[in-house]
Amino acid sequence: MIKQVEKKLMELIELEESLEQEGVLIGREDVLKKILESSEVILITGKRGAGKTALGYYILEQSPNPYVFGLPEEAWRYLPKFITPLKSLEKLPEKATIFIDEAALWFYSRSSSQKMNKYISQLVTEARHQEQLLIFATHTLRKLDIGVVMDADAILFKEPSFLHSKFERSEIREITREVKEQFSKLRGDRRKYTYVLSHDYEGFLKTPLPSFWCEELSKAQISLERVFEGEGDRRAGVGSKIESGNIESVLKERPEYIEYFERMLEWHDKNKDSKFYHLGFEWSDVRVPPQILNKLFLQGVLDLVYNTRKHKGYLLRNPEEVREVVEKKKR
């Protein structure tokens, strides 16, 4: 008798989910659980404000060993104790679920190189061997390195924007158009739903907010504006050349800046082989006042590689030119 009641209850739940949106099939929560158990790499994409970050944290809440990378340190206090924030992607723990928010920042498509491709391949290989689940969230897959996209076991779509369906990667542009059309059929708050594309399931799931979600976490997600987007390697200071006279004139006017240049060169030498070098340094990394870094950027000595309300990242446009002038001045 109990089994019959349970069976009837399950049938009613399935019917309720199916009828919740007229003409749109909504899968049950256990569908997402099965996808998570059978995946090593999952992508979350969708327009800004559609709920990508909240979905990532909802998945972490369902996971036994959750970590997050990409959350500014000042927002760590809003995380529940069971989620561990990471400062880097080195030596990731075994059997962990790692949510990488704003993944295009760390795996930017135009920063692709043999070294980056090798690193991505290694990251995914280790995830499979160590039973990890990597979750990458990004505004658009077009900005994400193709190596990450090709290794995905599932893509979780939040509502795409109109332009996504026009200018997304050619490999998934048609799929994005179809997903956009499916979202247009939904009634009410579309942020509650996620369109899943995987080996085992394709269709909508209802994905609620994590229990610990707050406005502070929502605002804390990194949303970097690429000021040099479209300028290729210039963003990382590669291939651009400044006149040594510019640096000499700067040091002539401000000889005390030589100490600042030495700190920036020290950072460069220490991080030039890092896979995150292209993200540059902030004022706190080199102990140079923000207003001076901005001045050096305007004078053409530095490249500004990202700019947000609270953070700016810089790189020496030509480190060896700077080094040559600094050493000359110190003689």
C-alpha atoms as a PDB file:
ATOM      1  CA  MET A   1       0.000   0.000   0.000  1.00  0.00           C
ATOM      2  CA  ILE A   2       2.826   2.394   0.927  1.00  0.00           C
ATOM      3  CA  LYS A   3       4.622   1.652  -2.345  1.00  0.00           C
ATOM      4  CA  GLN A   4       1.447   2.387  -4.310  1.00  0.00           C
ATOM      5  CA  VAL A   5       1.054   5.732  -2.519  1.00  0.00           C
ATOM      6  CA  GLU A   6       4.706   6.615  -3.198  1.00  0.00           C
ATOM      7  CA  LYS A   7       4.314   5.696  -6.866  1.00  0.00           C
ATOM      8  CA  LYS A   8       1.174   7.814  -7.175  1.00  0.00           C
ATOM      9  CA  LEU A   9       2.919  10.720  -5.457  1.00  0.00           C
ATOM     10  CA  MET A  10       5.830  10.542  -7.893  1.00  0.00           C
ATOM     11  CA  GLU A  11       3.408  10.517 -10.824  1.00  0.00           C
ATOM     12  CA  LEU A  12       1.675  13.625  -9.464  1.00  0.00           C
ATOM     13  CA  ILE A  13       5.018  15.401  -8.998  1.00  0.00           C
ATOM     14  CA  GLU A  14       6.017  14.591 -12.575  1.00  0.00           C
ATOM     15  CA  LEU A  15       2.632  15.789 -13.852  1.00  0.00           C
ATOM     16  CA  GLU A  16       2.926  19.030 -11.864  1.00  0.00           C
ATOM     17  CA  GLU A  17       6.380  19.740 -13.286  1.00  0.00           C
ATOM     18  CA  SER A  18       5.239  18.948 -16.824  1.00  0.00           C
ATOM     19  CA  LEU A  19       2.196  21.205 -16.597  1.00  0.00           C
ATOM     20  CA  GLU A  20       3.978  24.032 -14.775  1.00  0.00           C
ATOM     21  CA  GLN A  21       4.822  25.688 -18.062  1.00  0.00           C
ATOM     22  CA  GLU A  22       2.395  25.061 -20.902  1.00  0.00           C
ATOM     23  CA  GLY A  23       4.187  23.430 -23.817  1.00  0.00           C
ATOM     24  CA  VAL A  24       7.535  23.280 -21.965  1.00  0.00           C
ATOM     25  CA  LEU A  25       8.817  20.152 -20.235  1.00  0.00           C
ATOM     26  CA  ILE A  26      10.403  20.781 -16.828  1.00  0.00           C
ATOM     27  CA  GLY A  27      12.622  17.983 -15.524  1.00  0.00           C
ATOM     28  CA  ARG A  28      12.848  16.883 -11.895  1.00  0.00           C
ATOM     29  CA  GLU A  29      15.640  17.816  -9.475  1.00  0.00           C
ATOM     30  CA  ASP A  30      17.174  14.330  -9.564  1.00  0.00           C
ATOM     31  CA  VAL A  31      18.031  14.952 -13.237  1.00  0.00           C
ATOM     32  CA  LEU A  32      20.578  17.575 -12.194  1.00  0.00           C
ATOM     33  CA  LYS A  33      21.992  15.225  -9.568  1.00  0.00           C
ATOM     34  CA  LYS A  34      22.610  12.545 -12.195  1.00  0.00           C
ATOM     35  CA  ILE A  35      24.279  15.060 -14.508  1.00  0.00           C
ATOM     36  CA  LEU A  36      26.598  16.235 -11.729  1.00  0.00           C
ATOM     37  CA  GLU A  37      27.535  12.667 -10.844  1.00  0.00           C
ATOM     38  CA  SER A  38      28.451  11.804 -14.436  1.00  0.00           C
ATOM     39  CA  SER A  39      30.345  14.999 -15.345  1.00  0.00           C
ATOM     40  CA  GLU A  40      33.850  16.374 -14.838  1.00  0.00           C
ATOM     41  CA  VAL A  41      33.436  19.695 -16.681  1.00  0.00           C
ATOM     42  CA  ILE A  42      30.246  21.781 -16.736  1.00  0.00           C
ATOM     43  CA  LEU A  43      29.741  25.190 -18.346  1.00  0.00           C
ATOM     44  CA  ILE A  44      27.204  27.771 -17.168  1.00  0.00           C
ATOM     45  CA  THR A  45      26.407  30.582 -19.583  1.00  0.00           C
ATOM     46  CA  GLY A  46      23.771  33.267 -20.051  1.00  0.00           C
ATOM     47  CA  LYS A  47      23.190  36.988 -20.053  1.00  0.00           C
ATOM     48  CA  ARG A  48      24.142  39.224 -17.136  1.00  0.00           C
ATOM     49  CA  GLY A  49      21.685  39.047 -14.262  1.00  0.00           C
ATOM     50  CA  ALA A  50      20.191  35.749 -15.447  1.00  0.00           C
ATOM     51  CA  GLY A  51      21.384  33.793 -12.403  1.00  0.00           C
ATOM     52  CA  LYS A  52      24.659  32.120 -13.460  1.00  0.00           C
ATOM     53  CA  THR A  53      26.479  32.777 -10.196  1.00  0.00           C
ATOM     54  CA  ALA A  54      23.479  31.731  -8.105  1.00  0.00           C
ATOM     55  CA  LEU A  55      23.257  28.484 -10.092  1.00  0.00           C
ATOM     56  CA  GLY A  56      26.940  27.799  -9.468  1.00  0.00           C
ATOM     57  CA  TYR A  57      26.462  28.222  -5.723  1.00  0.00           C
ATOM     58  CA  TYR A  58      23.291  26.111  -5.799  1.00  0.00           C
ATOM     59  CA  ILE A  59      25.347  23.277  -7.306  1.00  0.00           C
ATOM     60  CA  LEU A  60      28.022  23.775  -4.646  1.00  0.00           C
ATOM     61  CA  GLU A  61      25.318  23.466  -1.991  1.00  0.00           C
ATOM     62  CA  GLN A  62      24.429  20.038  -3.399  1.00  0.00           C
ATOM     63  CA  SER A  63      28.074  18.925  -3.442  1.00  0.00           C
ATOM     64  CA  PRO A  64      29.959  17.187  -0.598  1.00  0.00           C
ATOM     65  CA  ASN A  65      33.308  18.994  -1.021  1.00  0.00           C
ATOM     66  CA  PRO A  66      32.661  22.472  -2.522  1.00  0.00           C
ATOM     67  CA  TYR A  67      35.194  25.181  -3.426  1.00  0.00           C
ATOM     68  CA  VAL A  68      34.899  28.512  -5.253  1.00  0.00           C
ATOM     69  CA  PHE A  69      37.495  30.425  -7.252  1.00  0.00           C
ATOM     70  CA  GLY A  70      37.089  33.970  -8.542  1.00  0.00           C
ATOM     71  CA  LEU A  71      35.251  35.505  -5.602  1.00  0.00           C
ATOM     72  CA  PRO A  72      36.919  38.712  -4.324  1.00  0.00           C
ATOM     73  CA  GLU A  73      38.419  38.234  -0.866  1.00  0.00           C
ATOM     74  CA  GLU A  74      36.299  41.016   0.616  1.00  0.00           C
ATOM     75  CA  ALA A  75      33.214  38.873  -0.125  1.00  0.00           C
ATOM     76  CA  TRP A  76      34.493  35.638   1.411  1.00  0.00           C
ATOM     77  CA  ARG A  77      32.740  36.465   4.682  1.00  0.00           C
ATOM     78  CA  TYR A  78      29.377  35.972   2.975  1.00  0.00           C
ATOM     79  CA  LEU A  79      30.135  32.333   2.138  1.00  0.00           C
ATOM     80  CA  PRO A  80      28.799  29.542   4.351  1.00  0.00           C
ATOM     81  CA  LYS A  81      31.456  27.618   6.270  1.00  0.00           C
ATOM     82  CA  PHE A  82      31.117  24.507   4.120  1.00  0.00           C
ATOM     83  CA  ILE A  83      32.341  26.338   0.967  1.00  0.00           C
ATOM     84  CA  THR A  84      36.082  26.984   0.791  1.00  0.00           C
ATOM     85  CA  PRO A  85      37.314  29.954  -1.298  1.00  0.00           C
ATOM     86  CA  LEU A  86      40.476  29.434  -3.365  1.00  0.00           C
ATOM     87  CA  LYS A  87      43.183  31.950  -4.212  1.00  0.00           C
ATOM     88  CA  SER A  88      44.577  29.864  -7.073  1.00  0.00           C
ATOM     89  CA  LEU A  89      43.844  26.771  -9.143  1.00  0.00           C
ATOM     90  CA  GLU A  90      47.078  25.051  -8.159  1.00  0.00           C
ATOM     91  CA  LYS A  91      46.866  21.619  -6.470  1.00  0.00           C
ATOM     92  CA  LEU A  92      43.094  21.336  -6.371  1.00  0.00           C
ATOM     93  CA  PRO A  93      41.766  18.891  -3.755  1.00  0.00           C
ATOM     94  CA  GLU A  94      40.603  15.421  -4.759  1.00  0.00           C
ATOM     95  CA  LYS A  95      36.902  14.643  -5.101  1.00  0.00           C
ATOM     96  CA  ALA A  96      36.112  18.347  -4.965  1.00  0.00           C
ATOM     97  CA  THR A  97      33.566  20.468  -6.808  1.00  0.00           C
ATOM     98  CA  ILE A  98      35.217  23.718  -7.908  1.00  0.00           C
ATOM     99  CA  PHE A  99      33.089  26.618  -9.129  1.00  0.00           C
ATOM    100  CA  ILE A 100      35.078  29.080 -11.263  1.00  0.00           C
ATOM    101  CA  ASP A 101      33.064  32.278 -11.609  1.00  0.00           C
ATOM    102  CA  GLU A 102      33.670  34.664 -14.528  1.00  0.00           C
ATOM    103  CA  ALA A 103      35.820  31.954 -16.114  1.00  0.00           C
ATOM    104  CA  ALA A 104      36.612  34.016 -19.218  1.00  0.00           C
ATOM    105  CA  LEU A 105      38.789  36.184 -16.984  1.00  0.00           C
ATOM    106  CA  TRP A 106      41.069  33.254 -16.190  1.00  0.00           C
ATOM    107  CA  PHE A 107      40.739  31.338 -19.479  1.00  0.00           C
ATOM    108  CA  TYR A 108      40.306  34.172 -21.969  1.00  0.00           C
ATOM    109  CA  SER A 109      40.043  33.014 -25.600  1.00  0.00           C
ATOM    110  CA  ARG A 110      42.350  35.736 -26.957  1.00  0.00           C
ATOM    111  CA  SER A 111      45.028  34.818 -24.466  1.00  0.00           C
ATOM    112  CA  SER A 112      45.244  31.341 -25.963  1.00  0.00           C
ATOM    113  CA  SER A 113      48.706  29.987 -26.393  1.00  0.00           C
ATOM    114  CA  GLN A 114      50.379  26.616 -26.438  1.00  0.00           C
ATOM    115  CA  LYS A 115      51.144  27.020 -22.734  1.00  0.00           C
ATOM    116  CA  MET A 116      47.518  27.908 -21.897  1.00  0.00           C
ATOM    117  CA  ASN A 117      46.149  25.011 -23.956  1.00  0.00           C
ATOM    118  CA  LYS A 118      48.533  22.631 -22.211  1.00  0.00           C
ATOM    119  CA  TYR A 119      47.442  23.942 -18.823  1.00  0.00           C
ATOM    120  CA  ILE A 120      43.728  23.527 -19.629  1.00  0.00           C
ATOM    121  CA  SER A 121      44.340  19.985 -20.853  1.00  0.00           C
ATOM    122  CA  GLN A 122      46.237  19.215 -17.655  1.00  0.00           C
ATOM    123  CA  LEU A 123      43.504  20.764 -15.491  1.00  0.00           C
ATOM    124  CA  VAL A 124      40.780  18.660 -17.127  1.00  0.00           C
ATOM    125  CA  THR A 125      42.884  15.486 -17.094  1.00  0.00           C
ATOM    126  CA  GLU A 126      43.560  15.901 -13.379  1.00  0.00           C
ATOM    127  CA  ALA A 127      39.858  16.523 -12.778  1.00  0.00           C
ATOM    128  CA  ARG A 128      39.020  13.173 -14.348  1.00  0.00           C
ATOM    129  CA  HIS A 129      41.747  11.315 -12.459  1.00  0.00           C
ATOM    130  CA  GLN A 130      40.984  12.950  -9.109  1.00  0.00           C
ATOM    131  CA  GLU A 131      37.188  12.703  -9.413  1.00  0.00           C
ATOM    132  CA  GLN A 132      36.762  16.470  -9.445  1.00  0.00           C
ATOM    133  CA  LEU A 133      33.939  18.483 -10.958  1.00  0.00           C
ATOM    134  CA  LEU A 134      34.943  21.779 -12.580  1.00  0.00           C
ATOM    135  CA  ILE A 135      32.148  24.311 -13.136  1.00  0.00           C
ATOM    136  CA  PHE A 136      32.949  27.311 -15.345  1.00  0.00           C
ATOM    137  CA  ALA A 137      30.512  30.253 -15.407  1.00  0.00           C
ATOM    138  CA  THR A 138      30.825  32.888 -18.112  1.00  0.00           C
ATOM    139  CA  HIS A 139      28.724  35.604 -19.714  1.00  0.00           C
ATOM    140  CA  THR A 140      29.442  34.205 -23.174  1.00  0.00           C
ATOM    141  CA  LEU A 141      31.287  31.106 -24.350  1.00  0.00           C
ATOM    142  CA  ARG A 142      32.796  33.179 -27.155  1.00  0.00           C
ATOM    143  CA  LYS A 143      35.240  34.697 -24.664  1.00  0.00           C
ATOM    144  CA  LEU A 144      36.132  31.363 -23.089  1.00  0.00           C
ATOM    145  CA  ASP A 145      39.111  29.379 -24.355  1.00  0.00           C
ATOM    146  CA  ILE A 146      37.984  26.740 -26.868  1.00  0.00           C
ATOM    147  CA  GLY A 147      39.852  24.067 -24.884  1.00  0.00           C
ATOM    148  CA  VAL A 148      37.439  24.516 -21.979  1.00  0.00           C
ATOM    149  CA  VAL A 149      34.387  24.491 -24.256  1.00  0.00           C
ATOM    150  CA  MET A 150      35.428  21.315 -26.075  1.00  0.00           C
ATOM    151  CA  ASP A 151      36.011  19.439 -22.799  1.00  0.00           C
ATOM    152  CA  ALA A 152      32.549  20.205 -21.399  1.00  0.00           C
ATOM    153  CA  ASP A 153      30.304  17.277 -20.467  1.00  0.00           C
ATOM    154  CA  ALA A 154      27.262  19.535 -20.105  1.00  0.00           C
ATOM    155  CA  ILE A 155      26.230  23.132 -20.737  1.00  0.00           C
ATOM    156  CA  LEU A 156      23.749  24.797 -18.394  1.00  0.00           C
ATOM    157  CA  PHE A 157      22.074  27.744 -20.095  1.00  0.00           C
ATOM    158  CA  LYS A 158      20.531  30.598 -18.186  1.00  0.00           C
ATOM    159  CA  GLU A 159      18.517  32.906 -20.428  1.00  0.00           C
ATOM    160  CA  PRO A 160      20.717  34.131 -23.326  1.00  0.00           C
ATOM    161  CA  SER A 161      20.555  37.702 -24.541  1.00  0.00           C
ATOM    162  CA  PHE A 162      19.397  38.589 -28.041  1.00  0.00           C
ATOM    163  CA  LEU A 163      22.991  39.228 -29.131  1.00  0.00           C
ATOM    164  CA  HIS A 164      24.149  35.865 -27.781  1.00  0.00           C
ATOM    165  CA  SER A 165      21.966  34.144 -30.334  1.00  0.00           C
ATOM    166  CA  LYS A 166      23.580  36.265 -33.050  1.00  0.00           C
ATOM    167  CA  PHE A 167      27.249  36.392 -32.092  1.00  0.00           C
ATOM    168  CA  GLU A 168      27.957  33.334 -29.943  1.00  0.00           C
ATOM    169  CA  ARG A 169      30.638  30.851 -31.036  1.00  0.00           C
ATOM    170  CA  SER A 170      29.794  29.376 -34.419  1.00  0.00           C
ATOM    171  CA  GLU A 171      29.966  25.865 -32.917  1.00  0.00           C
ATOM    172  CA  ILE A 172      27.001  26.543 -30.604  1.00  0.00           C
ATOM    173  CA  ARG A 173      25.292  29.527 -32.211  1.00  0.00           C
ATOM    174  CA  GLU A 174      22.376  27.483 -33.521  1.00  0.00           C
ATOM    175  CA  ILE A 175      21.930  25.766 -30.158  1.00  0.00           C
ATOM    176  CA  THR A 176      21.922  29.158 -28.429  1.00  0.00           C
ATOM    177  CA  ARG A 177      19.187  30.366 -30.804  1.00  0.00           C
ATOM    178  CA  GLU A 178      17.086  27.313 -29.949  1.00  0.00           C
ATOM    179  CA  VAL A 179      17.643  27.829 -26.227  1.00  0.00           C
ATOM    180  CA  LYS A 180      16.650  31.490 -26.572  1.00  0.00           C
ATOM    181  CA  GLU A 181      13.438  30.406 -28.284  1.00  0.00           C
ATOM    182  CA  GLN A 182      12.689  27.886 -25.523  1.00  0.00           C
ATOM    183  CA  PHE A 183      13.153  30.545 -22.843  1.00  0.00           C
ATOM    184  CA  SER A 184      10.698  32.808 -24.673  1.00  0.00           C
ATOM    185  CA  LYS A 185       7.981  30.204 -23.993  1.00  0.00           C
ATOM    186  CA  LEU A 186       8.400  30.439 -20.224  1.00  0.00           C
ATOM    187  CA  ARG A 187       6.022  32.484 -18.092  1.00  0.00           C
ATOM    188  CA  GLY A 188       6.998  34.419 -14.989  1.00  0.00           C
ATOM    189  CA  ASP A 189      10.524  34.764 -13.610  1.00  0.00           C
ATOM    190  CA  ARG A 190      12.822  33.020 -16.095  1.00  0.00           C
ATOM    191  CA  ARG A 191      15.758  33.153 -13.666  1.00  0.00           C
ATOM    192  CA  LYS A 192      14.213  30.166 -11.867  1.00  0.00           C
ATOM    193  CA  TYR A 193      14.931  27.926 -14.847  1.00  0.00           C
ATOM    194  CA  THR A 194      18.006  26.428 -16.450  1.00  0.00           C
ATOM    195  CA  TYR A 195      18.159  24.812 -19.876  1.00  0.00           C
ATOM    196  CA  VAL A 196      20.387  21.731 -19.768  1.00  0.00           C
ATOM    197  CA  LEU A 197      22.312  20.306 -22.698  1.00  0.00           C
ATOM    198  CA  SER A 198      24.023  17.019 -21.813  1.00  0.00           C
ATOM    199  CA  HIS A 199      24.478  13.427 -22.955  1.00  0.00           C
ATOM    200  CA  ASP A 200      21.676  12.223 -20.672  1.00  0.00           C
ATOM    201  CA  TYR A 201      19.159  15.050 -20.779  1.00  0.00           C
ATOM    202  CA  GLU A 202      18.127  18.079 -22.794  1.00  0.00           C
ATOM    203  CA  GLY A 203      15.498  20.457 -21.513  1.00  0.00           C
ATOM    204  CA  PHE A 204      14.564  22.724 -18.620  1.00  0.00           C
ATOM    205  CA  LEU A 205      15.181  22.240 -14.927  1.00  0.00           C
ATOM    206  CA  LYS A 206      13.850  24.388 -12.130  1.00  0.00           C
ATOM    207  CA  THR A 207      16.878  25.557 -10.144  1.00  0.00           C
ATOM    208  CA  PRO A 208      16.187  27.526  -6.944  1.00  0.00           C
ATOM    209  CA  LEU A 209      18.521  29.963  -5.229  1.00  0.00           C
ATOM    210  CA  PRO A 210      20.989  28.487  -2.725  1.00  0.00           C
ATOM    211  CA  SER A 211      19.793  28.756   0.879  1.00  0.00           C
ATOM    212  CA  PHE A 212      22.624  31.161   1.798  1.00  0.00           C
ATOM    213  CA  TRP A 213      22.168  33.510  -1.179  1.00  0.00           C
ATOM    214  CA  CYS A 214      22.364  37.194  -0.376  1.00  0.00           C
ATOM    215  CA  GLU A 215      22.576  40.492  -2.229  1.00  0.00           C
ATOM    216  CA  GLU A 216      26.233  40.898  -1.212  1.00  0.00           C
ATOM    217  CA  LEU A 217      27.237  37.689  -3.004  1.00  0.00           C
ATOM    218  CA  SER A 218      25.260  38.752  -6.039  1.00  0.00           C
ATOM    219  CA  LYS A 219      27.083  42.084  -6.231  1.00  0.00           C
ATOM    220  CA  ALA A 220      30.482  40.551  -5.463  1.00  0.00           C
ATOM    221  CA  GLN A 221      30.762  38.502  -8.631  1.00  0.00           C
ATOM    222  CA  ILE A 222      33.671  39.640 -10.735  1.00  0.00           C
ATOM    223  CA  SER A 223      32.542  41.468 -13.884  1.00  0.00           C
ATOM    224  CA  LEU A 224      35.667  42.826 -15.494  1.00  0.00           C
ATOM    225  CA  GLU A 225      35.412  45.218 -18.412  1.00  0.00           C
ATOM    226  CA  ARG A 226      38.178  44.517 -20.902  1.00  0.00           C
ATOM    227  CA  VAL A 227      39.460  47.960 -21.820  1.00  0.00           C
ATOM    228  CA  PHE A 228      41.730  46.588 -24.515  1.00  0.00           C
ATOM    229  CA  GLU A 229      39.387  43.939 -25.861  1.00  0.00           C
ATOM    230  CA  GLY A 230      39.996  43.376 -29.546  1.00  0.00           C
ATOM    231  CA  GLU A 231      43.584  44.536 -29.417  1.00  0.00           C
ATOM    232  CA  GLY A 232      45.089  41.058 -29.221  1.00  0.00           C
ATOM    233  CA  ASP A 233      48.345  40.654 -27.347  1.00  0.00           C
ATOM    234  CA  ARG A 234      48.597  44.381 -26.616  1.00  0.00           C
ATOM    235  CA  ARG A 235      46.414  43.660 -23.594  1.00  0.00           C
ATOM    236  CA  ALA A 236      49.296  41.732 -22.108  1.00  0.00           C
ATOM    237  CA  GLY A 237      51.936  44.179 -23.213  1.00  0.00           C
ATOM    238  CA  VAL A 238      53.206  41.829 -25.913  1.00  0.00           C
ATOM    239  CA  GLY A 239      54.517  43.264 -29.130  1.00  0.00           C
ATOM    240  CA  SER A 240      54.072  46.887 -28.107  1.00  0.00           C
ATOM    241  CA  LYS A 241      57.075  49.129 -27.662  1.00  0.00           C
ATOM    242  CA  ILE A 242      57.481  52.368 -25.768  1.00  0.00           C
ATOM    243  CA  GLU A 243      60.228  54.852 -26.241  1.00  0.00           C
ATOM    244  CA  SER A 244      62.887  54.686 -23.537  1.00  0.00           C
ATOM    245  CA  GLY A 245      62.814  58.475 -23.525  1.00  0.00           C
ATOM    246  CA  ASN A 246      59.363  58.331 -21.946  1.00  0.00           C
ATOM    247  CA  ILE A 247      60.706  56.421 -18.961  1.00  0.00           C
ATOM    248  CA  GLU A 248      63.762  58.631 -18.721  1.00  0.00           C
ATOM    249  CA  SER A 249      61.599  61.744 -18.654  1.00  0.00           C
ATOM    250  CA  VAL A 250      59.391  60.189 -15.980  1.00  0.00           C
ATOM    251  CA  LEU A 251      62.412  59.401 -13.799  1.00  0.00           C
ATOM    252  CA  LYS A 252      63.928  62.800 -14.436  1.00  0.00           C
ATOM    253  CA  GLU A 253      60.776  64.449 -13.157  1.00  0.00           C
ATOM    254  CA  ARG A 254      60.188  61.903 -10.399  1.00  0.00           C
ATOM    255  CA  PRO A 255      63.471  60.163  -9.448  1.00  0.00           C
ATOM    256  CA  GLU A 256      61.753  58.530  -6.467  1.00  0.00           C
ATOM    257  CA  TYR A 257      59.731  56.437  -8.956  1.00  0.00           C
ATOM    258  CA  ILE A 258      62.785  54.254  -9.540  1.00  0.00           C
ATOM    259  CA  GLU A 259      61.819  52.263  -6.448  1.00  0.00           C
ATOM    260  CA  TYR A 260      58.329  51.725  -7.894  1.00  0.00           C
ATOM    261  CA  PHE A 261      59.758  50.510 -11.192  1.00  0.00           C
ATOM    262  CA  GLU A 262      62.026  48.087  -9.343  1.00  0.00           C
ATOM    263  CA  ARG A 263      59.008  46.604  -7.547  1.00  0.00           C
ATOM    264  CA  MET A 264      57.129  46.225 -10.825  1.00  0.00           C
ATOM    265  CA  LEU A 265      60.151  44.554 -12.427  1.00  0.00           C
ATOM    266  CA  GLU A 266      60.438  42.255  -9.423  1.00  0.00           C
ATOM    267  CA  TRP A 267      56.787  41.256  -9.868  1.00  0.00           C
ATOM    268  CA  HIS A 268      57.373  40.740 -13.600  1.00  0.00           C
ATOM    269  CA  ASP A 269      60.386  38.462 -13.046  1.00  0.00           C
ATOM    270  CA  LYS A 270      58.535  36.439 -10.438  1.00  0.00           C
ATOM    271  CA  ASN A 271      55.326  35.963 -12.443  1.00  0.00           C
ATOM    272  CA  LYS A 272      56.329  36.081 -16.128  1.00  0.00           C
ATOM    273  CA  ASP A 273      56.012  32.285 -16.487  1.00  0.00           C
ATOM    274  CA  SER A 274      52.729  32.081 -14.610  1.00  0.00           C
ATOM    275  CA  LYS A 275      49.593  31.134 -16.518  1.00  0.00           C
ATOM    276  CA  PHE A 276      47.909  34.116 -14.853  1.00  0.00           C
ATOM    277  CA  TYR A 277      50.565  36.649 -15.850  1.00  0.00           C
ATOM    278  CA  HIS A 278      48.216  38.270 -18.366  1.00  0.00           C
ATOM    279  CA  LEU A 279      45.960  39.360 -15.472  1.00  0.00           C
ATOM    280  CA  GLY A 280      48.663  41.773 -14.350  1.00  0.00           C
ATOM    281  CA  PHE A 281      49.288  43.314 -10.946  1.00  0.00           C
ATOM    282  CA  GLU A 282      47.249  45.570  -8.698  1.00  0.00           C
ATOM    283  CA  TRP A 283      48.673  48.397  -6.608  1.00  0.00           C
ATOM    284  CA  SER A 284      48.806  46.174  -3.518  1.00  0.00           C
ATOM    285  CA  ASP A 285      50.919  43.580  -5.364  1.00  0.00           C
ATOM    286  CA  VAL A 286      53.721  46.072  -6.061  1.00  0.00           C
ATOM    287  CA  ARG A 287      53.074  48.574  -3.246  1.00  0.00           C
ATOM    288  CA  VAL A 288      52.676  51.478  -5.651  1.00  0.00           C
ATOM    289  CA  PRO A 289      49.922  54.062  -4.986  1.00  0.00           C
ATOM    290  CA  PRO A 290      46.949  53.633  -7.362  1.00  0.00           C
ATOM    291  CA  GLN A 291      47.126  57.225  -8.600  1.00  0.00           C
ATOM    292  CA  ILE A 292      50.753  56.723  -9.665  1.00  0.00           C
ATOM    293  CA  LEU A 293      49.918  53.538 -11.573  1.00  0.00           C
ATOM    294  CA  ASN A 294      47.140  55.393 -13.356  1.00  0.00           C
ATOM    295  CA  LYS A 295      49.532  58.235 -14.208  1.00  0.00           C
ATOM    296  CA  LEU A 296      52.096  55.780 -15.628  1.00  0.00           C
ATOM    297  CA  PHE A 297      49.324  54.211 -17.692  1.00  0.00           C
ATOM    298  CA  LEU A 298      48.400  57.607 -19.148  1.00  0.00           C
ATOM    299  CA  GLN A 299      52.081  58.229 -19.905  1.00  0.00           C
ATOM    300  CA  GLY A 300      52.253  54.987 -21.884  1.00  0.00           C
ATOM    301  CA  VAL A 301      54.554  53.087 -19.520  1.00  0.00           C
ATOM    302  CA  LEU A 302      51.876  50.635 -18.338  1.00  0.00           C
ATOM    303  CA  ASP A 303      49.060  48.739 -20.007  1.00  0.00           C
ATOM    304  CA  LEU A 304      45.721  48.571 -18.204  1.00  0.00           C
ATOM    305  CA  VAL A 305      44.536  44.972 -18.614  1.00  0.00           C
ATOM    306  CA  TYR A 306      41.329  45.157 -16.591  1.00  0.00           C
ATOM    307  CA  ASN A 307      39.261  47.788 -14.848  1.00  0.00           C
ATOM    308  CA  THR A 308      36.367  47.409 -12.384  1.00  0.00           C
ATOM    309  CA  ARG A 309      34.848  49.662  -9.752  1.00  0.00           C
ATOM    310  CA  LYS A 310      37.295  48.454  -7.116  1.00  0.00           C
ATOM    311  CA  HIS A 311      40.168  46.836  -9.006  1.00  0.00           C
ATOM    312  CA  LYS A 312      42.603  47.714 -11.776  1.00  0.00           C
ATOM    313  CA  GLY A 313      45.247  45.418 -13.207  1.00  0.00           C
ATOM    314  CA  TYR A 314      48.388  46.656 -14.959  1.00  0.00           C
ATOM    315  CA  LEU A 315      51.390  45.309 -16.851  1.00  0.00           C
ATOM    316  CA  LEU A 316      54.641  46.959 -17.857  1.00  0.00           C
ATOM    317  CA  ARG A 317      54.262  47.579 -21.560  1.00  0.00           C
ATOM    318  CA  ASN A 318      57.913  46.757 -22.217  1.00  0.00           C
ATOM    319  CA  PRO A 319      59.703  45.425 -19.115  1.00  0.00           C
ATOM    320  CA  GLU A 320      63.140  45.221 -20.722  1.00  0.00           C
ATOM    321  CA  GLU A 321      63.034  48.872 -21.805  1.00  0.00           C
ATOM    322  CA  VAL A 322      62.152  49.814 -18.242  1.00  0.00           C
ATOM    323  CA  ARG A 323      64.891  47.590 -16.838  1.00  0.00           C
ATOM    324  CA  GLU A 324      67.501  49.127 -19.132  1.00  0.00           C
ATOM    325  CA  VAL A 325      66.644  52.690 -18.107  1.00  0.00           C
ATOM    326  CA  VAL A 326      66.439  51.830 -14.396  1.00  0.00           C
ATOM    327  CA  GLU A 327      69.846  50.147 -14.429  1.00  0.00           C
ATOM    328  CA  LYS A 328      71.310  53.088 -16.328  1.00  0.00           C
ATOM    329  CA  LYS A 329      69.952  55.534 -13.738  1.00  0.00           C
ATOM    330  CA  LYS A 330      71.380  53.494 -10.864  1.00  0.00           C
ATOM    331  CA  ARG A 331      74.940  53.495 -12.234  1.00  0.00           C
END
